[in-house]
Protein backbone atom coordinates (compact mmCIF):
# COMPACT_ATOMS: atom_id res chain seq x y z
CA MET A 1 -8.43 13.86 -11.04
CA THR A 2 -7.00 10.83 -12.73
CA THR A 3 -9.68 7.95 -13.22
CA ALA A 4 -9.00 4.31 -12.99
CA THR A 5 -9.07 2.29 -16.12
CA GLN A 6 -8.79 -1.23 -14.81
CA SER A 7 -9.87 -3.12 -11.74
CA ALA A 8 -7.73 -2.42 -8.63
CA GLY A 9 -5.02 -5.29 -8.14
CA GLY A 10 -3.44 -5.66 -11.62
CA PRO A 11 -5.17 -8.10 -14.13
CA GLY A 12 -8.81 -7.58 -14.17
CA THR A 13 -11.94 -6.09 -15.66
CA THR A 14 -12.41 -2.27 -16.54
CA THR A 15 -14.16 0.38 -14.28
CA SER A 16 -15.70 3.50 -14.59
CA ALA A 17 -14.84 6.59 -13.00
CA ALA A 18 -14.74 6.57 -9.13
CA PRO A 19 -14.52 9.19 -6.28
CA ALA A 20 -11.17 9.83 -4.48
CA VAL A 21 -9.48 7.20 -2.63
CA ILE A 22 -8.26 9.46 0.18
CA GLU A 23 -9.27 12.81 1.27
CA ALA A 24 -7.21 14.09 4.29
CA THR A 25 -8.09 17.26 5.75
CA HIS A 26 -5.60 18.89 8.34
CA ILE A 27 -4.67 15.62 9.91
CA THR A 28 -2.61 15.47 13.00
CA ARG A 29 -1.15 12.84 15.12
CA VAL A 30 0.02 13.44 18.55
CA PHE A 31 1.55 10.80 20.83
CA PRO A 32 1.39 11.35 24.65
CA MET A 33 4.95 10.50 26.25
CA ALA A 34 6.17 10.76 29.74
CA SER A 35 8.18 13.99 28.57
CA GLY A 36 5.33 15.47 27.08
CA GLN A 37 3.18 15.46 23.74
CA VAL A 38 5.11 14.46 20.60
CA THR A 39 3.66 15.35 17.24
CA ALA A 40 4.55 12.92 14.62
CA VAL A 41 2.26 14.34 12.05
CA ALA A 42 1.18 18.27 11.80
CA ASP A 43 -1.78 19.70 9.85
CA ILE A 44 -1.27 17.64 6.64
CA SER A 45 -4.00 17.90 3.86
CA LEU A 46 -3.73 15.57 1.05
CA THR A 47 -5.86 13.89 -1.80
CA ILE A 48 -5.23 10.63 -3.49
CA ALA A 49 -7.32 10.09 -6.70
CA PRO A 50 -7.96 6.53 -8.39
CA GLY A 51 -4.48 6.00 -10.22
CA ASP A 52 -2.32 8.23 -8.29
CA HIS A 53 1.49 7.34 -7.61
CA LEU A 54 2.85 8.96 -4.75
CA ALA A 55 6.07 8.88 -2.97
CA ILE A 56 6.66 10.43 0.13
CA ARG A 57 10.16 11.13 1.31
CA GLY A 58 11.92 12.68 4.25
CA PRO A 59 14.69 12.16 6.78
CA SER A 60 14.18 9.25 9.36
CA GLY A 61 11.86 10.31 12.15
CA CYS A 62 9.87 12.90 10.02
CA GLY A 63 6.42 11.05 10.22
CA LYS A 64 6.60 9.19 6.80
CA SER A 65 5.54 5.80 8.29
CA THR A 66 2.97 7.57 10.82
CA LEU A 67 1.46 9.06 7.89
CA LEU A 68 1.09 6.11 5.89
CA HIS A 69 -0.35 4.16 8.65
CA MET A 70 -2.99 7.07 8.89
CA LEU A 71 -3.52 6.64 5.30
CA GLY A 72 -3.78 2.98 5.63
CA CYS A 73 -6.43 3.36 8.68
CA VAL A 74 -4.14 1.49 10.68
CA ASP A 75 -3.82 4.50 13.04
CA THR A 76 -6.32 7.40 13.40
CA ALA A 77 -5.76 10.88 13.34
CA SER A 78 -5.77 13.13 16.85
CA SER A 79 -7.26 15.91 14.86
CA GLY A 80 -8.52 16.60 11.40
CA THR A 81 -10.54 14.26 8.99
CA LEU A 82 -9.63 11.61 6.72
CA LEU A 83 -12.23 10.01 4.33
CA PHE A 84 -11.67 6.90 2.53
CA ASN A 85 -14.06 6.35 -0.50
CA GLY A 86 -16.11 9.26 1.06
CA ARG A 87 -16.49 7.76 4.29
CA ASP A 88 -15.17 9.17 7.69
CA VAL A 89 -12.68 6.87 8.94
CA ALA A 90 -12.87 8.24 12.72
CA THR A 91 -16.76 7.17 12.47
CA LEU A 92 -16.07 3.63 11.71
CA SER A 93 -16.14 0.81 14.27
CA ASP A 94 -13.18 -1.39 14.74
CA ARG A 95 -14.75 -3.99 12.86
CA ASP A 96 -15.51 -1.77 9.87
CA ARG A 97 -12.15 -0.33 10.12
CA SER A 98 -10.56 -3.97 9.72
CA LEU A 99 -12.93 -4.69 7.15
CA LEU A 100 -11.83 -1.77 4.90
CA ARG A 101 -8.28 -2.64 5.52
CA LEU A 102 -8.92 -6.24 4.32
CA THR A 103 -10.69 -5.47 1.32
CA GLN A 104 -9.84 -1.92 0.10
CA ILE A 105 -5.98 -1.43 1.11
CA GLY A 106 -3.23 -3.61 0.30
CA PHE A 107 0.02 -3.31 2.39
CA VAL A 108 3.48 -4.10 1.17
CA PHE A 109 6.37 -4.00 3.83
CA GLN A 110 10.25 -3.74 3.65
CA ARG A 111 10.69 -7.09 5.37
CA PHE A 112 7.97 -9.17 3.60
CA PHE A 113 6.21 -10.21 6.57
CA LEU A 114 4.88 -13.62 4.94
CA LEU A 115 3.72 -16.25 6.97
CA PRO A 116 6.79 -18.93 7.25
CA MET A 117 4.48 -22.06 7.28
CA LEU A 118 2.73 -21.11 4.34
CA THR A 119 3.62 -21.75 0.59
CA ALA A 120 3.49 -18.60 -1.60
CA TRP A 121 0.27 -19.89 -2.93
CA GLU A 122 -1.26 -20.22 0.92
CA ASN A 123 0.16 -16.69 1.54
CA ILE A 124 -1.80 -14.98 -1.29
CA GLU A 125 -4.97 -16.93 -0.80
CA LEU A 126 -5.39 -16.29 2.93
CA PRO A 127 -6.54 -12.72 2.82
CA GLN A 128 -9.10 -13.95 0.22
CA ALA A 129 -10.50 -16.62 2.48
CA GLU A 130 -10.53 -14.21 5.36
CA SER A 131 -12.62 -11.72 3.35
CA GLY A 132 -15.12 -14.68 2.30
CA VAL A 133 -14.22 -15.16 -1.15
CA GLY A 134 -15.15 -18.80 -2.37
CA LYS A 135 -12.75 -21.52 -3.03
CA ALA A 136 -13.03 -21.84 -6.77
CA GLU A 137 -12.71 -17.55 -7.00
CA ARG A 138 -9.56 -17.79 -4.66
CA ARG A 139 -7.88 -20.56 -6.76
CA GLU A 140 -8.45 -18.49 -9.62
CA ARG A 141 -7.35 -15.37 -8.59
CA THR A 142 -4.26 -16.91 -6.78
CA ARG A 143 -3.11 -18.64 -10.03
CA GLU A 144 -3.79 -15.13 -11.90
CA LEU A 145 -1.66 -13.35 -9.34
CA LEU A 146 1.29 -15.84 -9.42
CA ASP A 147 1.42 -15.63 -13.10
CA TYR A 148 1.13 -11.80 -12.83
CA VAL A 149 4.19 -11.47 -10.54
CA GLY A 150 6.02 -14.08 -12.51
CA LEU A 151 6.22 -16.77 -9.90
CA GLY A 152 3.67 -19.52 -11.28
CA LYS A 153 6.12 -22.01 -11.00
CA ARG A 154 7.11 -21.20 -7.32
CA ALA A 155 3.61 -21.47 -5.74
CA GLY A 156 4.28 -24.61 -3.45
CA HIS A 157 7.45 -22.83 -2.02
CA ARG A 158 7.70 -21.40 1.46
CA PRO A 159 9.30 -18.00 2.03
CA SER A 160 12.38 -19.87 3.35
CA GLU A 161 12.92 -21.62 -0.01
CA LEU A 162 12.35 -18.05 -1.90
CA SER A 163 15.02 -15.10 -2.55
CA GLY A 164 14.20 -11.84 -1.25
CA GLY A 165 13.12 -10.55 -4.51
CA GLU A 166 10.68 -13.55 -4.78
CA MET A 167 9.32 -12.86 -1.53
CA GLN A 168 8.48 -9.70 -2.15
CA ARG A 169 6.50 -10.46 -5.39
CA VAL A 170 4.42 -13.11 -3.54
CA ALA A 171 4.29 -10.16 -0.67
CA ILE A 172 2.91 -7.73 -3.62
CA ALA A 173 0.43 -10.65 -5.06
CA ARG A 174 -0.78 -10.87 -1.48
CA ALA A 175 -1.47 -7.28 -1.22
CA LEU A 176 -3.29 -7.37 -4.56
CA ALA A 177 -5.24 -10.45 -3.53
CA ASN A 178 -8.59 -8.47 -2.78
CA ARG A 179 -8.28 -5.95 -5.55
CA PRO A 180 -7.71 -2.96 -3.28
CA ARG A 181 -8.43 0.60 -4.35
CA LEU A 182 -5.16 1.61 -2.45
CA LEU A 183 -1.51 0.01 -2.32
CA LEU A 184 0.63 1.35 0.38
CA ALA A 185 4.28 0.28 0.51
CA ASP A 186 6.93 0.98 3.08
CA GLU A 187 10.35 1.04 1.89
CA PRO A 188 9.46 -2.06 -0.57
CA THR A 189 13.08 -2.23 -2.00
CA GLY A 190 14.64 -1.64 1.19
CA GLU A 191 16.11 -5.27 1.67
CA LEU A 192 17.11 -5.83 -1.72
CA ASP A 193 20.08 -5.31 -3.82
CA ARG A 194 20.00 -2.89 -6.75
CA THR A 195 19.00 -4.96 -9.50
CA THR A 196 16.45 -6.84 -7.63
CA GLY A 197 15.00 -3.51 -6.33
CA ASP A 198 14.82 -2.27 -9.91
CA GLN A 199 12.80 -5.42 -10.58
CA ILE A 200 10.41 -4.93 -7.96
CA ALA A 201 10.07 -1.16 -8.79
CA ALA A 202 8.94 -2.39 -12.17
CA LEU A 203 6.25 -4.51 -11.02
CA LEU A 204 4.86 -1.55 -8.72
CA ASP A 205 4.92 0.73 -11.75
CA ARG A 206 3.06 -2.02 -13.64
CA VAL A 207 0.58 -2.46 -10.71
CA ASN A 208 -0.39 1.07 -10.72
CA ALA A 209 -0.42 1.51 -14.48
CA ASP A 210 -3.17 -1.27 -14.06
CA GLY A 211 -5.21 1.22 -12.37
CA THR A 212 -4.27 1.00 -8.48
CA ALA A 213 -3.72 4.11 -6.75
CA MET A 214 -0.10 3.73 -4.97
CA VAL A 215 1.76 5.72 -2.08
CA LEU A 216 5.34 4.43 -1.26
CA VAL A 217 7.39 5.54 1.85
CA THR A 218 11.20 5.41 0.33
CA HIS A 219 14.43 6.91 1.11
CA ASP A 220 15.47 5.76 -2.72
CA PRO A 221 15.67 8.85 -5.00
CA SER A 222 15.29 6.37 -7.93
CA LEU A 223 12.04 5.00 -6.70
CA ALA A 224 10.63 8.11 -5.82
CA ASP A 225 11.64 9.52 -9.34
CA ARG A 226 9.41 7.01 -11.00
CA CYS A 227 6.23 8.46 -9.16
CA GLN A 228 4.03 11.05 -10.72
CA ARG A 229 4.08 13.00 -7.35
CA VAL A 230 6.64 13.31 -4.55
CA LEU A 231 5.92 14.61 -1.22
CA THR A 232 8.87 15.79 0.93
CA MET A 233 8.26 15.60 4.53
CA ARG A 234 10.26 17.22 7.52
CA ASP A 235 9.36 17.41 11.14
CA GLY A 236 5.64 15.91 10.76
CA ARG A 237 4.75 18.53 8.02
CA VAL A 238 4.87 18.70 4.32
CA GLU A 239 7.66 20.46 3.23
CA SER A 240 7.21 20.52 -0.71
CA GLU A 241 5.17 18.69 -3.18
CA THR A 242 6.21 18.14 -6.89
CA THR A 243 4.23 16.81 -9.70
CA ARG A 244 5.73 15.34 -12.92
C-alpha cells in the first residue's frame, strides 16, 4: 500500500502513513424502474490507498459514474460494504455523510459547475467557509491554491470571464480547498481542446504526486495512461484491471 508524503490538496505539510481511503467490498447498486430493476454496478470490490492514481474506463452506460458517486458517498450501495477512512458509510447520518464529502472528498466535473455570480477567489473560498475555516486561514489557503493552479492574477474574475481551461483550474482549486484525502474527477478534460486538456491532466498529475488519492472517470485513453491503475468496466462489472 502506498502512503501519502504530503498533506492532501497540493501544497501543504508532510503527513505520516494513513489507512486506506476506500475499501469497497462486493458493492452493488440497483435502481428500481417501471420495467424492473436495473443493476448499474454489480459486485465490485476495490481498495484505494493514500496516493493512488486510478482511472475508470468503459463504454457509456457501463456504470462508471454510478461507481464514482458511490466512492464519493453521494450514492449508497444497495448491498455490500464501503468504508471511507475505516468508517462504514452506510451507518453515517445524512449530516455526517455531507460533512465527509465537504471535508474529505473533492469533486471535479466535466462542466466545471462553478457558481457564476462568484469570482474565482470566492468559488474557492466558499467550501472553506462552509466547513468553518476562519477568515484569515481561508484567505491564505485561497491565495495558495490560486498560485498552485497558476491563476493568481485571475482571482477577481467570474467564470464568464475565464477560458474553459481556467474554469477547470478554478474547479480543481475549489476541490482541493479543504485538503481532501480523495479527489474524484468525472471526465475532467471532456470539455477542453487537446492542448488545454493536456495542461489540466498535468495539473492533476501534480496534485496526485503531492499526496492526494485520485480516481478519474474518462473516455480519453491518453488520460487513463497517465494513471498508475486502470480499471475497465462493462455492464456494471469490472472487466479488467491493469497496474503500471
